C-alpha atoms as a PDB file:
ATOM      1  CA  MET A   1     -36.675 -30.260-116.937  1.00  0.00           C
ATOM      2  CA  MET A   2     -33.389 -29.494-115.138  1.00  0.00           C
ATOM      3  CA  SER A   3     -32.068 -31.911-112.591  1.00  0.00           C
ATOM      4  CA  VAL A   4     -30.749 -30.827-109.208  1.00  0.00           C
ATOM      5  CA  ASP A   5     -27.152 -31.390-110.358  1.00  0.00           C
ATOM      6  CA  ASP A   6     -27.600 -29.079-113.356  1.00  0.00           C
ATOM      7  CA  ASP A   7     -28.927 -26.337-111.102  1.00  0.00           C
ATOM      8  CA  ARG A   8     -25.955 -26.588-108.740  1.00  0.00           C
ATOM      9  CA  THR A   9     -23.461 -26.596-111.619  1.00  0.00           C
ATOM     10  CA  GLU A  10     -25.034 -23.519-113.144  1.00  0.00           C
ATOM     11  CA  ASN A  11     -24.960 -21.654-109.805  1.00  0.00           C
ATOM     12  CA  ARG A  12     -21.380 -22.686-109.152  1.00  0.00           C
ATOM     13  CA  TYR A  13     -20.201 -21.117-112.410  1.00  0.00           C
ATOM     14  CA  ALA A  14     -22.201 -17.960-111.742  1.00  0.00           C
ATOM     15  CA  ASP A  15     -20.602 -17.637-108.305  1.00  0.00           C
ATOM     16  CA  ARG A  16     -17.104 -18.186-109.686  1.00  0.00           C
ATOM     17  CA  SER A  17     -17.469 -15.426-112.273  1.00  0.00           C
ATOM     18  CA  ARG A  18     -18.818 -13.094-109.613  1.00  0.00           C
ATOM     19  CA  CYS A  19     -15.833 -13.822-107.363  1.00  0.00           C
ATOM     20  CA  SER A  20     -13.279 -13.104-110.071  1.00  0.00           C
ATOM     21  CA  SER A  21     -14.893  -9.765-110.898  1.00  0.00           C
ATOM     22  CA  GLN A  22     -14.970  -8.849-107.205  1.00  0.00           C
ATOM     23  CA  THR A  23     -11.273  -9.688-106.950  1.00  0.00           C
ATOM     24  CA  ALA A  24     -10.486  -7.415-109.891  1.00  0.00           C
ATOM     25  CA  VAL A  25     -12.518  -4.578-108.387  1.00  0.00           C
ATOM     26  CA  SER A  26     -10.966  -4.981-104.942  1.00  0.00           C
ATOM     27  CA  ALA A  27      -7.476  -4.845-106.467  1.00  0.00           C
ATOM     28  CA  LEU A  28      -8.320  -1.494-108.041  1.00  0.00           C
ATOM     29  CA  THR A  29      -9.891  -0.049-104.913  1.00  0.00           C
ATOM     30  CA  ARG A  30      -7.350  -1.192-102.330  1.00  0.00           C
ATOM     31  CA  VAL A  31      -6.665   1.466 -99.718  1.00  0.00           C
ATOM     32  CA  PHE A  32      -3.233   1.871 -98.131  1.00  0.00           C
ATOM     33  CA  ASN A  33      -2.431   3.468 -94.794  1.00  0.00           C
ATOM     34  CA  THR A  34       0.619   5.701 -94.414  1.00  0.00           C
ATOM     35  CA  SER A  35       3.164   2.987 -93.684  1.00  0.00           C
ATOM     36  CA  GLU A  36       1.854   0.693 -96.438  1.00  0.00           C
ATOM     37  CA  ALA A  37       1.969   3.538 -98.966  1.00  0.00           C
ATOM     38  CA  CYS A  38       5.526   4.427 -97.921  1.00  0.00           C
ATOM     39  CA  ASP A  39       6.603   0.814 -98.348  1.00  0.00           C
ATOM     40  CA  TYR A  40       4.857   0.608-101.721  1.00  0.00           C
ATOM     41  CA  LEU A  41       6.545   3.779-102.996  1.00  0.00           C
ATOM     42  CA  ARG A  42       9.828   3.030-101.178  1.00  0.00           C
ATOM     43  CA  ILE A  43       9.980   6.486 -99.615  1.00  0.00           C
ATOM     44  CA  SER A  44      10.172   7.758 -96.051  1.00  0.00           C
ATOM     45  CA  ARG A  45       7.157   8.877 -94.048  1.00  0.00           C
ATOM     46  CA  PRO A  46       8.203  12.569 -94.032  1.00  0.00           C
ATOM     47  CA  THR A  47       8.592  12.498 -97.823  1.00  0.00           C
ATOM     48  CA  PHE A  48       5.156  10.905 -98.186  1.00  0.00           C
ATOM     49  CA  LEU A  49       3.594  13.571 -95.968  1.00  0.00           C
ATOM     50  CA  LYS A  50       5.305  16.339 -98.004  1.00  0.00           C
ATOM     51  CA  LEU A  51       3.899  14.866-101.218  1.00  0.00           C
ATOM     52  CA  ILE A  52       0.414  14.942 -99.694  1.00  0.00           C
ATOM     53  CA  ALA A  53       0.885  18.507 -98.410  1.00  0.00           C
ATOM     54  CA  THR A  54       1.982  19.753-101.834  1.00  0.00           C
ATOM     55  CA  GLY A  55      -0.904  17.957-103.555  1.00  0.00           C
ATOM     56  CA  ARG A  56       1.232  15.613-105.615  1.00  0.00           C
ATOM     57  CA  ILE A  57      -0.503  12.651-103.955  1.00  0.00           C
ATOM     58  CA  ARG A  58      -4.205  12.856-103.161  1.00  0.00           C
ATOM     59  CA  ALA A  59      -5.065  11.254 -99.823  1.00  0.00           C
ATOM     60  CA  GLN A  60      -7.736  11.448 -97.148  1.00  0.00           C
ATOM     61  CA  LYS A  61      -7.105  12.048 -93.468  1.00  0.00           C
ATOM     62  CA  LEU A  62      -9.095   9.461 -91.514  1.00  0.00           C
ATOM     63  CA  GLY A  63      -8.646   9.562 -87.780  1.00  0.00           C
ATOM     64  CA  LYS A  64      -4.982  10.055 -86.976  1.00  0.00           C
ATOM     65  CA  GLY A  65      -3.641   8.658 -90.237  1.00  0.00           C
ATOM     66  CA  TRP A  66      -3.764   9.118 -93.970  1.00  0.00           C
ATOM     67  CA  LYS A  67      -5.459   6.755 -96.437  1.00  0.00           C
ATOM     68  CA  VAL A  68      -4.628   6.640-100.120  1.00  0.00           C
ATOM     69  CA  ARG A  69      -6.006   4.456-102.910  1.00  0.00           C
ATOM     70  CA  ASN A  70      -3.853   2.100-104.912  1.00  0.00           C
ATOM     71  CA  ALA A  71      -5.001   3.817-108.116  1.00  0.00           C
ATOM     72  CA  GLU A  72      -3.650   7.145-106.823  1.00  0.00           C
ATOM     73  CA  LEU A  73      -0.242   5.626-106.044  1.00  0.00           C
ATOM     74  CA  GLU A  74      -0.166   4.060-109.515  1.00  0.00           C
ATOM     75  CA  ARG A  75      -1.063   7.433-111.060  1.00  0.00           C
ATOM     76  CA  PHE A  76       1.765   9.062-109.115  1.00  0.00           C
ATOM     77  CA  LEU A  77       4.287   6.463-110.244  1.00  0.00           C
ATOM     78  CA  LEU A  78       3.176   6.426-113.884  1.00  0.00           C
ATOM     79  CA  ALA A  79       3.282  10.221-114.072  1.00  0.00           C
ATOM     80  CA  GLY A  80       7.001  10.024-113.278  1.00  0.00           C
ATOM     81  CA  GLU A  81       6.626  12.341-110.313  1.00  0.00           C
ATOM     82  CA  ALA A  82       8.508   9.988-108.016  1.00  0.00           C
ATOM     83  CA  THR A  83      11.786  10.685-109.814  1.00  0.00           C
ATOM     84  CA  GLN A  84      11.428  14.469-109.548  1.00  0.00           C
ATOM     85  CA  GLN A  85      11.818  14.624-105.764  1.00  0.00           C
END
C-alpha cells in the first residue's frame, strides 16, 4: 500500500516532466510581432516587410500587425537568405 508521501512524490515528478516538455514546445512555437522579429533578425522594419512581401519570410497578418513563428525566423537564418539582401 502506498503512503500519502509516496503519492505526492510520484505526482511531483510527473508534473516536473510535463513542465519541461511544455517549455520545450513553447520555445519552438514562440510567435514574434513585427518589432520583435526585426530585433531578432537585426533588420529594419521596411526590410522585414519586403521579405514578407516577396515570400522569403512566411508570416500572418493579424489585426494591424504581422506575426511570425520563431521556427520560420530560424529557417530563414539557417537558409542563409539573410546575407543575400
